[in-house]
Amino acid sequence: MSAFPRRLICTLLLCLPLGAAASFAQREEAHDFVRDMRAHGFDDAELYALLERARHLPRAIELIRPPATPGTRSWHNYRARFLDRSRVDGGVAFWQQHRDSLARASAEYGVPEEIIVAIIGVETLYGRHTGNFETFSTLATLAFDYPPRAPLFRRELENLLLLAREQQRDPFSYYGSFAGAVGYPQFLPSSVRNFAVDFDGNGRIDFDSDPVDAIGSVANYLFLHGWLPGQPIAERARLQPGVDARPLIDAGIDPSLSPETLATAGVTRVDGGAAADTATLVDLPTPGAETEYWLGYRNFYVITRYNRSSFYAMSVFELAEALRAARQRR
């Protein structure tokens, strides 16, 4: 397939009004991207036209860039964002409205219904806040103007184009977060292609207007990342006085500490018993308050595959527990 002439691209750019932002199509990285997309059968001219149409979104870079001066981690502040009345009441209502789909997803994939509801609640408040960033322009901005994570977002831009072709949609018809995640479950394009399921059986995957596909897709995502049905997620830990928790925490988020190792180090469940299984020691610090310590099991680790943060995984777990308790009271 012949390349779209760069001379013509340059001519088009010279026709832009004075002061207009430079097109992504003139970037050297974009030329490389277009060349690489030939492997998927994309036409150079069509891709350059899409890149001409994309808008530079500096706000996406502002939001995704780490703060210049990182703040102090506070579990209490983080938790308060997701363990509030609106998410609990909204989650119970969402659960009731979609109880049949949730029960079917849980039976098929082995993931508790409350965990599925909690993830959608934490991600988008049950579909109320899915983001208003146009996804193609967002990913183009991050792929070509944000070097620290350019390879990731270039892959996601590639996957967005493949997804749009598979779904027979305009690449500019997707909207979502400042990081390029879309719909009720906030899947990146690669996750949509790899883990999304047509759970309502209507022949297409819809994350925009109906949560049924999102319910099945969240369950499938966790299942494929190793969810263990019926196994524990996390429980409070008790540390004996004088225990140095740092080496245990530094062992990583992937559960690798045996119950014997933890007990020898002075870490048990709050009732004094040994850990239920191989675990990780999770610390949840809050300035001015005592740090919470938890034993995170394999299913806790699986939740961190959705968002690689122990704060995130714990907020999902605690919201799920609150949802289950609230639903049982009604």
C-alpha atoms as a PDB file:
ATOM      1  CA  MET A   1       0.000   0.000   0.000  1.00  0.00           C
ATOM      2  CA  SER A   2       1.515   3.339  -0.998  1.00  0.00           C
ATOM      3  CA  ALA A   3       2.033   6.021   1.637  1.00  0.00           C
ATOM      4  CA  PHE A   4      -0.055   9.183   1.535  1.00  0.00           C
ATOM      5  CA  PRO A   5       2.403  11.773   0.175  1.00  0.00           C
ATOM      6  CA  ARG A   6       3.956  13.814   2.938  1.00  0.00           C
ATOM      7  CA  ARG A   7       4.311  16.702   0.483  1.00  0.00           C
ATOM      8  CA  LEU A   8       0.510  16.859   0.246  1.00  0.00           C
ATOM      9  CA  ILE A   9       0.221  16.827   4.047  1.00  0.00           C
ATOM     10  CA  CYS A  10       2.607  19.756   4.251  1.00  0.00           C
ATOM     11  CA  THR A  11       0.587  21.609   1.607  1.00  0.00           C
ATOM     12  CA  LEU A  12      -2.605  21.069   3.599  1.00  0.00           C
ATOM     13  CA  LEU A  13      -0.925  22.361   6.746  1.00  0.00           C
ATOM     14  CA  LEU A  14       0.224  25.527   4.991  1.00  0.00           C
ATOM     15  CA  CYS A  15      -3.424  26.229   4.178  1.00  0.00           C
ATOM     16  CA  LEU A  16      -4.359  26.351   7.859  1.00  0.00           C
ATOM     17  CA  PRO A  17      -5.346  29.795   9.168  1.00  0.00           C
ATOM     18  CA  LEU A  18      -2.530  31.734  10.798  1.00  0.00           C
ATOM     19  CA  GLY A  19      -2.343  30.793  14.479  1.00  0.00           C
ATOM     20  CA  ALA A  20      -4.187  27.507  14.095  1.00  0.00           C
ATOM     21  CA  ALA A  21      -2.831  24.600  16.130  1.00  0.00           C
ATOM     22  CA  ALA A  22      -0.502  22.303  14.230  1.00  0.00           C
ATOM     23  CA  SER A  23      -2.156  19.123  13.045  1.00  0.00           C
ATOM     24  CA  PHE A  24      -1.204  15.801  14.521  1.00  0.00           C
ATOM     25  CA  ALA A  25      -0.736  14.644  10.929  1.00  0.00           C
ATOM     26  CA  GLN A  26       2.537  16.571  10.600  1.00  0.00           C
ATOM     27  CA  ARG A  27       4.187  14.864  13.563  1.00  0.00           C
ATOM     28  CA  GLU A  28       6.993  12.443  12.829  1.00  0.00           C
ATOM     29  CA  GLU A  29       5.478  10.088  15.404  1.00  0.00           C
ATOM     30  CA  ALA A  30       2.194  10.224  13.513  1.00  0.00           C
ATOM     31  CA  HIS A  31       3.930   9.216  10.293  1.00  0.00           C
ATOM     32  CA  ASP A  32       5.349   6.219  12.141  1.00  0.00           C
ATOM     33  CA  PHE A  33       1.909   5.438  13.554  1.00  0.00           C
ATOM     34  CA  VAL A  34       0.290   5.550  10.118  1.00  0.00           C
ATOM     35  CA  ARG A  35       2.988   3.315   8.720  1.00  0.00           C
ATOM     36  CA  ASP A  36       2.521   0.789  11.527  1.00  0.00           C
ATOM     37  CA  MET A  37      -1.259   0.742  11.016  1.00  0.00           C
ATOM     38  CA  ARG A  38      -0.757  -0.610   7.495  1.00  0.00           C
ATOM     39  CA  ALA A  39      -0.302  -4.002   9.151  1.00  0.00           C
ATOM     40  CA  HIS A  40      -4.009  -3.820  10.040  1.00  0.00           C
ATOM     41  CA  GLY A  41      -5.021  -2.882   6.506  1.00  0.00           C
ATOM     42  CA  PHE A  42      -5.696   0.792   7.168  1.00  0.00           C
ATOM     43  CA  ASP A  43      -5.389   3.276   4.334  1.00  0.00           C
ATOM     44  CA  ASP A  44      -2.775   5.993   4.847  1.00  0.00           C
ATOM     45  CA  ALA A  45      -4.919   8.762   3.424  1.00  0.00           C
ATOM     46  CA  GLU A  46      -7.866   7.889   5.667  1.00  0.00           C
ATOM     47  CA  LEU A  47      -5.668   7.874   8.757  1.00  0.00           C
ATOM     48  CA  TYR A  48      -4.083  11.201   7.894  1.00  0.00           C
ATOM     49  CA  ALA A  49      -7.559  12.640   7.412  1.00  0.00           C
ATOM     50  CA  LEU A  50      -8.556  11.421  10.880  1.00  0.00           C
ATOM     51  CA  LEU A  51      -5.430  12.908  12.429  1.00  0.00           C
ATOM     52  CA  GLU A  52      -6.171  16.209  10.670  1.00  0.00           C
ATOM     53  CA  ARG A  53      -9.612  16.150  12.234  1.00  0.00           C
ATOM     54  CA  ALA A  54      -8.400  15.383  15.772  1.00  0.00           C
ATOM     55  CA  ARG A  55      -8.183  18.226  18.266  1.00  0.00           C
ATOM     56  CA  HIS A  56      -5.360  18.892  20.682  1.00  0.00           C
ATOM     57  CA  LEU A  57      -6.771  18.606  24.221  1.00  0.00           C
ATOM     58  CA  PRO A  58      -4.293  20.125  26.698  1.00  0.00           C
ATOM     59  CA  ARG A  59      -6.789  19.537  29.528  1.00  0.00           C
ATOM     60  CA  ALA A  60      -6.302  15.783  29.152  1.00  0.00           C
ATOM     61  CA  ILE A  61      -2.565  16.222  29.722  1.00  0.00           C
ATOM     62  CA  GLU A  62      -3.176  18.465  32.711  1.00  0.00           C
ATOM     63  CA  LEU A  63      -5.427  15.882  34.337  1.00  0.00           C
ATOM     64  CA  ILE A  64      -3.291  12.835  33.665  1.00  0.00           C
ATOM     65  CA  ARG A  65       0.046  14.393  34.594  1.00  0.00           C
ATOM     66  CA  PRO A  66       1.147  13.599  38.184  1.00  0.00           C
ATOM     67  CA  PRO A  67       1.184  16.656  40.452  1.00  0.00           C
ATOM     68  CA  ALA A  68       4.499  18.481  40.631  1.00  0.00           C
ATOM     69  CA  THR A  69       4.367  18.160  44.404  1.00  0.00           C
ATOM     70  CA  PRO A  70       2.710  14.863  45.312  1.00  0.00           C
ATOM     71  CA  GLY A  71       0.244  15.156  48.177  1.00  0.00           C
ATOM     72  CA  THR A  72       0.231  13.017  51.277  1.00  0.00           C
ATOM     73  CA  ARG A  73      -1.735   9.804  50.873  1.00  0.00           C
ATOM     74  CA  SER A  74      -4.899   9.806  52.974  1.00  0.00           C
ATOM     75  CA  TRP A  75      -7.084   6.725  53.083  1.00  0.00           C
ATOM     76  CA  HIS A  76      -9.816   8.580  54.984  1.00  0.00           C
ATOM     77  CA  ASN A  77     -10.062  11.249  52.269  1.00  0.00           C
ATOM     78  CA  TYR A  78      -9.960   8.717  49.441  1.00  0.00           C
ATOM     79  CA  ARG A  79     -12.516   6.448  51.099  1.00  0.00           C
ATOM     80  CA  ALA A  80     -14.921   9.336  51.665  1.00  0.00           C
ATOM     81  CA  ARG A  81     -15.153   9.897  47.903  1.00  0.00           C
ATOM     82  CA  PHE A  82     -16.668   6.453  47.316  1.00  0.00           C
ATOM     83  CA  LEU A  83     -18.261   5.358  50.583  1.00  0.00           C
ATOM     84  CA  ASP A  84     -20.991   7.975  50.690  1.00  0.00           C
ATOM     85  CA  ARG A  85     -24.785   7.885  50.756  1.00  0.00           C
ATOM     86  CA  SER A  86     -25.200   8.515  47.017  1.00  0.00           C
ATOM     87  CA  ARG A  87     -23.070   5.525  46.056  1.00  0.00           C
ATOM     88  CA  VAL A  88     -24.691   3.190  48.569  1.00  0.00           C
ATOM     89  CA  ASP A  89     -28.282   4.229  47.820  1.00  0.00           C
ATOM     90  CA  GLY A  90     -27.558   4.445  44.103  1.00  0.00           C
ATOM     91  CA  GLY A  91     -25.888   1.050  44.166  1.00  0.00           C
ATOM     92  CA  VAL A  92     -28.812  -0.640  45.885  1.00  0.00           C
ATOM     93  CA  ALA A  93     -31.182   0.889  43.315  1.00  0.00           C
ATOM     94  CA  PHE A  94     -28.900  -0.187  40.448  1.00  0.00           C
ATOM     95  CA  TRP A  95     -28.705  -3.701  41.899  1.00  0.00           C
ATOM     96  CA  GLN A  96     -32.468  -3.941  42.177  1.00  0.00           C
ATOM     97  CA  GLN A  97     -33.036  -2.606  38.668  1.00  0.00           C
ATOM     98  CA  HIS A  98     -30.549  -5.046  37.105  1.00  0.00           C
ATOM     99  CA  ARG A  99     -30.854  -7.935  39.546  1.00  0.00           C
ATOM    100  CA  ASP A 100     -31.447 -10.561  36.851  1.00  0.00           C
ATOM    101  CA  SER A 101     -28.399  -9.542  34.810  1.00  0.00           C
ATOM    102  CA  LEU A 102     -26.222  -9.336  37.924  1.00  0.00           C
ATOM    103  CA  ALA A 103     -27.347 -12.749  39.147  1.00  0.00           C
ATOM    104  CA  ARG A 104     -26.618 -14.256  35.731  1.00  0.00           C
ATOM    105  CA  ALA A 105     -23.185 -12.623  35.520  1.00  0.00           C
ATOM    106  CA  SER A 106     -22.285 -13.832  38.998  1.00  0.00           C
ATOM    107  CA  ALA A 107     -23.413 -17.375  38.214  1.00  0.00           C
ATOM    108  CA  GLU A 108     -21.530 -17.449  34.907  1.00  0.00           C
ATOM    109  CA  TYR A 109     -18.249 -15.855  36.006  1.00  0.00           C
ATOM    110  CA  GLY A 110     -18.162 -16.557  39.746  1.00  0.00           C
ATOM    111  CA  VAL A 111     -17.807 -12.886  40.740  1.00  0.00           C
ATOM    112  CA  PRO A 112     -20.090 -11.645  43.561  1.00  0.00           C
ATOM    113  CA  GLU A 113     -22.863  -9.342  42.433  1.00  0.00           C
ATOM    114  CA  GLU A 114     -21.867  -6.662  44.937  1.00  0.00           C
ATOM    115  CA  ILE A 115     -18.326  -6.513  43.539  1.00  0.00           C
ATOM    116  CA  ILE A 116     -19.664  -5.913  40.005  1.00  0.00           C
ATOM    117  CA  VAL A 117     -21.995  -3.187  41.278  1.00  0.00           C
ATOM    118  CA  ALA A 118     -19.239  -1.602  43.379  1.00  0.00           C
ATOM    119  CA  ILE A 119     -16.804  -1.340  40.460  1.00  0.00           C
ATOM    120  CA  ILE A 120     -19.402   0.378  38.277  1.00  0.00           C
ATOM    121  CA  GLY A 121     -20.271   2.600  41.250  1.00  0.00           C
ATOM    122  CA  VAL A 122     -16.680   3.626  41.886  1.00  0.00           C
ATOM    123  CA  GLU A 123     -15.932   4.111  38.183  1.00  0.00           C
ATOM    124  CA  THR A 124     -18.937   6.119  37.026  1.00  0.00           C
ATOM    125  CA  LEU A 125     -21.539   6.378  39.819  1.00  0.00           C
ATOM    126  CA  TYR A 126     -23.618   3.766  37.970  1.00  0.00           C
ATOM    127  CA  GLY A 127     -23.274   5.453  34.594  1.00  0.00           C
ATOM    128  CA  ARG A 128     -23.906   9.034  35.668  1.00  0.00           C
ATOM    129  CA  HIS A 129     -20.318  10.237  35.171  1.00  0.00           C
ATOM    130  CA  THR A 130     -18.783   8.516  32.148  1.00  0.00           C
ATOM    131  CA  GLY A 131     -16.767  11.505  30.905  1.00  0.00           C
ATOM    132  CA  ASN A 132     -17.203  14.033  28.112  1.00  0.00           C
ATOM    133  CA  PHE A 133     -13.773  13.890  26.468  1.00  0.00           C
ATOM    134  CA  GLU A 134     -13.911  12.935  22.792  1.00  0.00           C
ATOM    135  CA  THR A 135     -11.854   9.755  22.840  1.00  0.00           C
ATOM    136  CA  PHE A 136     -10.003   9.857  19.523  1.00  0.00           C
ATOM    137  CA  SER A 137      -8.686  13.368  20.161  1.00  0.00           C
ATOM    138  CA  THR A 138      -7.878  12.478  23.760  1.00  0.00           C
ATOM    139  CA  LEU A 139      -5.799   9.462  22.784  1.00  0.00           C
ATOM    140  CA  ALA A 140      -4.107  11.321  19.932  1.00  0.00           C
ATOM    141  CA  THR A 141      -3.152  14.097  22.350  1.00  0.00           C
ATOM    142  CA  LEU A 142      -1.713  11.648  24.880  1.00  0.00           C
ATOM    143  CA  ALA A 143      -0.059   9.489  22.221  1.00  0.00           C
ATOM    144  CA  PHE A 144       1.778  12.343  20.501  1.00  0.00           C
ATOM    145  CA  ASP A 145       2.039  15.089  23.139  1.00  0.00           C
ATOM    146  CA  TYR A 146       2.615  13.236  26.411  1.00  0.00           C
ATOM    147  CA  PRO A 147       5.978  11.438  26.112  1.00  0.00           C
ATOM    148  CA  PRO A 148       6.010   9.785  29.576  1.00  0.00           C
ATOM    149  CA  ARG A 149       3.183   7.430  28.587  1.00  0.00           C
ATOM    150  CA  ALA A 150       3.131   7.795  24.816  1.00  0.00           C
ATOM    151  CA  PRO A 151       3.625   4.068  24.033  1.00  0.00           C
ATOM    152  CA  LEU A 152       0.583   3.118  26.131  1.00  0.00           C
ATOM    153  CA  PHE A 153      -1.691   5.694  24.540  1.00  0.00           C
ATOM    154  CA  ARG A 154      -0.417   4.971  21.069  1.00  0.00           C
ATOM    155  CA  ARG A 155      -1.492   1.347  21.612  1.00  0.00           C
ATOM    156  CA  GLU A 156      -4.867   2.548  22.833  1.00  0.00           C
ATOM    157  CA  LEU A 157      -5.268   4.804  19.788  1.00  0.00           C
ATOM    158  CA  GLU A 158      -4.488   1.797  17.627  1.00  0.00           C
ATOM    159  CA  ASN A 159      -7.078  -0.249  19.513  1.00  0.00           C
ATOM    160  CA  LEU A 160      -9.668   2.512  19.228  1.00  0.00           C
ATOM    161  CA  LEU A 161      -9.324   2.471  15.447  1.00  0.00           C
ATOM    162  CA  LEU A 162      -9.606  -1.306  15.386  1.00  0.00           C
ATOM    163  CA  LEU A 163     -12.612  -1.169  17.724  1.00  0.00           C
ATOM    164  CA  ALA A 164     -14.351   1.457  15.598  1.00  0.00           C
ATOM    165  CA  ARG A 165     -13.826  -0.679  12.503  1.00  0.00           C
ATOM    166  CA  GLU A 166     -15.128  -3.791  14.272  1.00  0.00           C
ATOM    167  CA  GLN A 167     -18.179  -1.957  15.603  1.00  0.00           C
ATOM    168  CA  GLN A 168     -18.668  -0.033  12.334  1.00  0.00           C
ATOM    169  CA  ARG A 169     -18.614   3.277  14.186  1.00  0.00           C
ATOM    170  CA  ASP A 170     -17.063   6.650  13.472  1.00  0.00           C
ATOM    171  CA  PRO A 171     -13.849   6.806  15.575  1.00  0.00           C
ATOM    172  CA  PHE A 172     -14.994  10.240  16.732  1.00  0.00           C
ATOM    173  CA  SER A 173     -18.268   8.900  18.153  1.00  0.00           C
ATOM    174  CA  TYR A 174     -16.662   7.654  21.388  1.00  0.00           C
ATOM    175  CA  TYR A 175     -16.625   9.806  24.513  1.00  0.00           C
ATOM    176  CA  GLY A 176     -15.178   9.074  27.928  1.00  0.00           C
ATOM    177  CA  SER A 177     -12.537  10.020  30.458  1.00  0.00           C
ATOM    178  CA  PHE A 178      -9.429  12.194  30.097  1.00  0.00           C
ATOM    179  CA  ALA A 179      -7.449   8.930  29.878  1.00  0.00           C
ATOM    180  CA  GLY A 180      -9.494   7.450  27.036  1.00  0.00           C
ATOM    181  CA  ALA A 181     -11.688   5.072  29.070  1.00  0.00           C
ATOM    182  CA  VAL A 182     -15.308   4.719  27.944  1.00  0.00           C
ATOM    183  CA  GLY A 183     -18.772   3.901  29.192  1.00  0.00           C
ATOM    184  CA  TYR A 184     -20.264   2.487  32.379  1.00  0.00           C
ATOM    185  CA  PRO A 185     -17.201   0.339  33.211  1.00  0.00           C
ATOM    186  CA  GLN A 186     -14.540   2.792  31.979  1.00  0.00           C
ATOM    187  CA  PHE A 187     -12.732   0.290  29.775  1.00  0.00           C
ATOM    188  CA  LEU A 188      -9.843   1.470  27.636  1.00  0.00           C
ATOM    189  CA  PRO A 189     -10.263   0.483  23.959  1.00  0.00           C
ATOM    190  CA  SER A 190      -7.905  -2.489  24.331  1.00  0.00           C
ATOM    191  CA  SER A 191      -9.975  -3.775  27.262  1.00  0.00           C
ATOM    192  CA  VAL A 192     -13.180  -3.391  25.264  1.00  0.00           C
ATOM    193  CA  ARG A 193     -11.663  -5.522  22.517  1.00  0.00           C
ATOM    194  CA  ASN A 194     -10.187  -8.125  24.881  1.00  0.00           C
ATOM    195  CA  PHE A 195     -12.687  -8.427  27.712  1.00  0.00           C
ATOM    196  CA  ALA A 196     -16.059  -6.935  26.727  1.00  0.00           C
ATOM    197  CA  VAL A 197     -18.989  -9.283  26.124  1.00  0.00           C
ATOM    198  CA  ASP A 198     -22.349  -8.873  24.437  1.00  0.00           C
ATOM    199  CA  PHE A 199     -24.151  -9.837  27.623  1.00  0.00           C
ATOM    200  CA  ASP A 200     -27.637  -8.849  26.478  1.00  0.00           C
ATOM    201  CA  GLY A 201     -27.238 -10.860  23.259  1.00  0.00           C
ATOM    202  CA  ASN A 202     -28.353  -8.111  20.891  1.00  0.00           C
ATOM    203  CA  GLY A 203     -25.372  -8.533  18.578  1.00  0.00           C
ATOM    204  CA  ARG A 204     -23.361  -5.516  19.698  1.00  0.00           C
ATOM    205  CA  ILE A 205     -21.495  -4.217  22.738  1.00  0.00           C
ATOM    206  CA  ASP A 206     -23.013  -1.049  24.148  1.00  0.00           C
ATOM    207  CA  PHE A 207     -21.293   0.667  27.072  1.00  0.00           C
ATOM    208  CA  ASP A 208     -22.969   4.011  26.479  1.00  0.00           C
ATOM    209  CA  SER A 209     -26.700   3.604  27.010  1.00  0.00           C
ATOM    210  CA  ASP A 210     -27.331   0.216  28.649  1.00  0.00           C
ATOM    211  CA  PRO A 211     -25.371  -1.245  31.593  1.00  0.00           C
ATOM    212  CA  VAL A 212     -26.149  -4.908  30.854  1.00  0.00           C
ATOM    213  CA  ASP A 213     -23.084  -5.370  28.639  1.00  0.00           C
ATOM    214  CA  ALA A 214     -20.999  -3.547  31.265  1.00  0.00           C
ATOM    215  CA  ILE A 215     -22.232  -5.903  33.993  1.00  0.00           C
ATOM    216  CA  GLY A 216     -21.176  -8.964  32.035  1.00  0.00           C
ATOM    217  CA  SER A 217     -17.926  -7.369  30.892  1.00  0.00           C
ATOM    218  CA  VAL A 218     -16.789  -6.358  34.393  1.00  0.00           C
ATOM    219  CA  ALA A 219     -17.457  -9.903  35.591  1.00  0.00           C
ATOM    220  CA  ASN A 220     -15.618 -11.366  32.599  1.00  0.00           C
ATOM    221  CA  TYR A 221     -12.653  -9.030  33.157  1.00  0.00           C
ATOM    222  CA  LEU A 222     -12.255 -10.160  36.760  1.00  0.00           C
ATOM    223  CA  PHE A 223     -12.804 -13.804  35.820  1.00  0.00           C
ATOM    224  CA  LEU A 224     -10.105 -13.704  33.132  1.00  0.00           C
ATOM    225  CA  HIS A 225      -7.703 -12.018  35.553  1.00  0.00           C
ATOM    226  CA  GLY A 226      -8.002 -14.915  37.954  1.00  0.00           C
ATOM    227  CA  TRP A 227     -10.973 -14.338  40.249  1.00  0.00           C
ATOM    228  CA  LEU A 228     -11.412 -17.267  42.660  1.00  0.00           C
ATOM    229  CA  PRO A 229     -15.126 -17.900  43.338  1.00  0.00           C
ATOM    230  CA  GLY A 230     -16.024 -18.230  46.983  1.00  0.00           C
ATOM    231  CA  GLN A 231     -12.583 -17.175  48.209  1.00  0.00           C
ATOM    232  CA  PRO A 232     -11.882 -14.218  50.539  1.00  0.00           C
ATOM    233  CA  ILE A 233     -10.922 -10.773  49.309  1.00  0.00           C
ATOM    234  CA  ALA A 234      -9.450  -8.970  52.303  1.00  0.00           C
ATOM    235  CA  GLU A 235      -9.653  -8.787  56.086  1.00  0.00           C
ATOM    236  CA  ARG A 236      -8.252  -6.560  58.778  1.00  0.00           C
ATOM    237  CA  ALA A 237      -4.789  -7.429  60.067  1.00  0.00           C
ATOM    238  CA  ARG A 238      -3.360  -7.052  63.523  1.00  0.00           C
ATOM    239  CA  LEU A 239       0.319  -6.281  64.027  1.00  0.00           C
ATOM    240  CA  GLN A 240       2.077  -7.138  67.242  1.00  0.00           C
ATOM    241  CA  PRO A 241       3.779  -4.170  68.960  1.00  0.00           C
ATOM    242  CA  GLY A 242       7.128  -3.334  67.439  1.00  0.00           C
ATOM    243  CA  VAL A 243       6.519  -5.070  64.116  1.00  0.00           C
ATOM    244  CA  ASP A 244       8.324  -3.410  61.206  1.00  0.00           C
ATOM    245  CA  ALA A 245       5.681  -3.643  58.494  1.00  0.00           C
ATOM    246  CA  ARG A 246       7.737  -2.039  55.722  1.00  0.00           C
ATOM    247  CA  PRO A 247       9.580  -5.188  54.489  1.00  0.00           C
ATOM    248  CA  LEU A 248       6.249  -7.040  54.315  1.00  0.00           C
ATOM    249  CA  ILE A 249       4.563  -4.189  52.430  1.00  0.00           C
ATOM    250  CA  ASP A 250       7.536  -3.933  50.086  1.00  0.00           C
ATOM    251  CA  ALA A 251       6.997  -7.582  49.096  1.00  0.00           C
ATOM    252  CA  GLY A 252       4.457  -6.184  46.627  1.00  0.00           C
ATOM    253  CA  ILE A 253       0.756  -6.270  45.868  1.00  0.00           C
ATOM    254  CA  ASP A 254       0.847  -9.783  44.395  1.00  0.00           C
ATOM    255  CA  PRO A 255       0.058 -12.112  47.332  1.00  0.00           C
ATOM    256  CA  SER A 256       3.289 -13.876  48.225  1.00  0.00           C
ATOM    257  CA  LEU A 257       3.347 -14.019  52.023  1.00  0.00           C
ATOM    258  CA  SER A 258       2.330 -17.376  53.468  1.00  0.00           C
ATOM    259  CA  PRO A 259       0.276 -17.524  56.676  1.00  0.00           C
ATOM    260  CA  GLU A 260       3.364 -18.929  58.415  1.00  0.00           C
ATOM    261  CA  THR A 261       5.582 -16.079  57.192  1.00  0.00           C
ATOM    262  CA  LEU A 262       3.068 -13.504  58.358  1.00  0.00           C
ATOM    263  CA  ALA A 263       2.566 -15.146  61.735  1.00  0.00           C
ATOM    264  CA  THR A 264       6.333 -15.383  62.315  1.00  0.00           C
ATOM    265  CA  ALA A 265       6.616 -11.665  61.477  1.00  0.00           C
ATOM    266  CA  GLY A 266       3.891 -10.851  63.992  1.00  0.00           C
ATOM    267  CA  VAL A 267       0.974 -10.292  61.603  1.00  0.00           C
ATOM    268  CA  THR A 268      -2.347 -12.071  62.128  1.00  0.00           C
ATOM    269  CA  ARG A 269      -6.031 -11.530  61.566  1.00  0.00           C
ATOM    270  CA  VAL A 270      -7.715  -9.240  64.072  1.00  0.00           C
ATOM    271  CA  ASP A 271      -9.048 -12.269  65.960  1.00  0.00           C
ATOM    272  CA  GLY A 272      -5.489 -13.509  66.383  1.00  0.00           C
ATOM    273  CA  GLY A 273      -5.805 -16.338  63.882  1.00  0.00           C
ATOM    274  CA  ALA A 274      -3.452 -16.984  61.002  1.00  0.00           C
ATOM    275  CA  ALA A 275      -4.128 -15.482  57.580  1.00  0.00           C
ATOM    276  CA  ALA A 276      -6.679 -17.499  55.607  1.00  0.00           C
ATOM    277  CA  ASP A 277      -4.311 -17.928  52.667  1.00  0.00           C
ATOM    278  CA  THR A 278      -1.226 -16.517  50.997  1.00  0.00           C
ATOM    279  CA  ALA A 279      -1.637 -12.762  51.207  1.00  0.00           C
ATOM    280  CA  THR A 280      -0.149  -9.323  50.767  1.00  0.00           C
ATOM    281  CA  LEU A 281       0.034  -6.827  53.607  1.00  0.00           C
ATOM    282  CA  VAL A 282      -1.823  -3.672  52.606  1.00  0.00           C
ATOM    283  CA  ASP A 283      -1.211  -0.389  54.405  1.00  0.00           C
ATOM    284  CA  LEU A 284      -3.817   2.385  54.328  1.00  0.00           C
ATOM    285  CA  PRO A 285      -2.233   5.469  55.907  1.00  0.00           C
ATOM    286  CA  THR A 286      -4.029   8.650  56.947  1.00  0.00           C
ATOM    287  CA  PRO A 287      -2.121  11.658  58.308  1.00  0.00           C
ATOM    288  CA  GLY A 288      -2.885  12.149  61.983  1.00  0.00           C
ATOM    289  CA  ALA A 289      -4.555   8.761  62.333  1.00  0.00           C
ATOM    290  CA  GLU A 290      -3.453   5.216  62.945  1.00  0.00           C
ATOM    291  CA  THR A 291      -2.580   3.349  59.742  1.00  0.00           C
ATOM    292  CA  GLU A 292      -4.984   0.561  58.826  1.00  0.00           C
ATOM    293  CA  TYR A 293      -3.440  -2.756  57.871  1.00  0.00           C
ATOM    294  CA  TRP A 294      -5.247  -5.408  55.852  1.00  0.00           C
ATOM    295  CA  LEU A 295      -4.509  -8.847  54.522  1.00  0.00           C
ATOM    296  CA  GLY A 296      -5.187  -8.795  50.789  1.00  0.00           C
ATOM    297  CA  TYR A 297      -5.815 -12.175  49.182  1.00  0.00           C
ATOM    298  CA  ARG A 298      -5.788 -13.261  45.533  1.00  0.00           C
ATOM    299  CA  ASN A 299      -9.166 -11.684  44.783  1.00  0.00           C
ATOM    300  CA  PHE A 300      -7.942  -8.362  46.209  1.00  0.00           C
ATOM    301  CA  TYR A 301      -5.042  -8.544  43.777  1.00  0.00           C
ATOM    302  CA  VAL A 302      -7.480  -9.244  40.911  1.00  0.00           C
ATOM    303  CA  ILE A 303      -9.361  -6.020  41.706  1.00  0.00           C
ATOM    304  CA  THR A 304      -6.061  -4.145  41.433  1.00  0.00           C
ATOM    305  CA  ARG A 305      -5.788  -5.371  37.831  1.00  0.00           C
ATOM    306  CA  TYR A 306      -8.747  -3.080  37.114  1.00  0.00           C
ATOM    307  CA  ASN A 307      -6.951  -0.140  38.723  1.00  0.00           C
ATOM    308  CA  ARG A 308      -3.476  -0.706  40.131  1.00  0.00           C
ATOM    309  CA  SER A 309      -4.037   0.939  43.464  1.00  0.00           C
ATOM    310  CA  SER A 310      -4.578  -0.629  46.867  1.00  0.00           C
ATOM    311  CA  PHE A 311      -6.743   2.384  47.795  1.00  0.00           C
ATOM    312  CA  TYR A 312      -8.925   1.671  44.758  1.00  0.00           C
ATOM    313  CA  ALA A 313      -9.250  -2.036  45.497  1.00  0.00           C
ATOM    314  CA  MET A 314     -10.121  -1.395  49.125  1.00  0.00           C
ATOM    315  CA  SER A 315     -12.736   1.195  48.189  1.00  0.00           C
ATOM    316  CA  VAL A 316     -14.355  -1.347  45.847  1.00  0.00           C
ATOM    317  CA  PHE A 317     -14.270  -3.993  48.581  1.00  0.00           C
ATOM    318  CA  GLU A 318     -15.716  -1.735  51.273  1.00  0.00           C
ATOM    319  CA  LEU A 319     -18.385  -0.309  48.959  1.00  0.00           C
ATOM    320  CA  ALA A 320     -19.356  -3.874  48.009  1.00  0.00           C
ATOM    321  CA  GLU A 321     -19.671  -4.803  51.691  1.00  0.00           C
ATOM    322  CA  ALA A 322     -21.785  -1.699  52.350  1.00  0.00           C
ATOM    323  CA  LEU A 323     -24.017  -2.457  49.352  1.00  0.00           C
ATOM    324  CA  ARG A 324     -24.580  -6.040  50.442  1.00  0.00           C
ATOM    325  CA  ALA A 325     -25.446  -4.980  53.979  1.00  0.00           C
ATOM    326  CA  ALA A 326     -27.784  -2.195  52.799  1.00  0.00           C
ATOM    327  CA  ARG A 327     -29.585  -4.522  50.383  1.00  0.00           C
ATOM    328  CA  GLN A 328     -30.095  -7.132  53.095  1.00  0.00           C
ATOM    329  CA  ARG A 329     -31.743  -4.518  55.319  1.00  0.00           C
ATOM    330  CA  ARG A 330     -34.326  -3.642  52.667  1.00  0.00           C
END
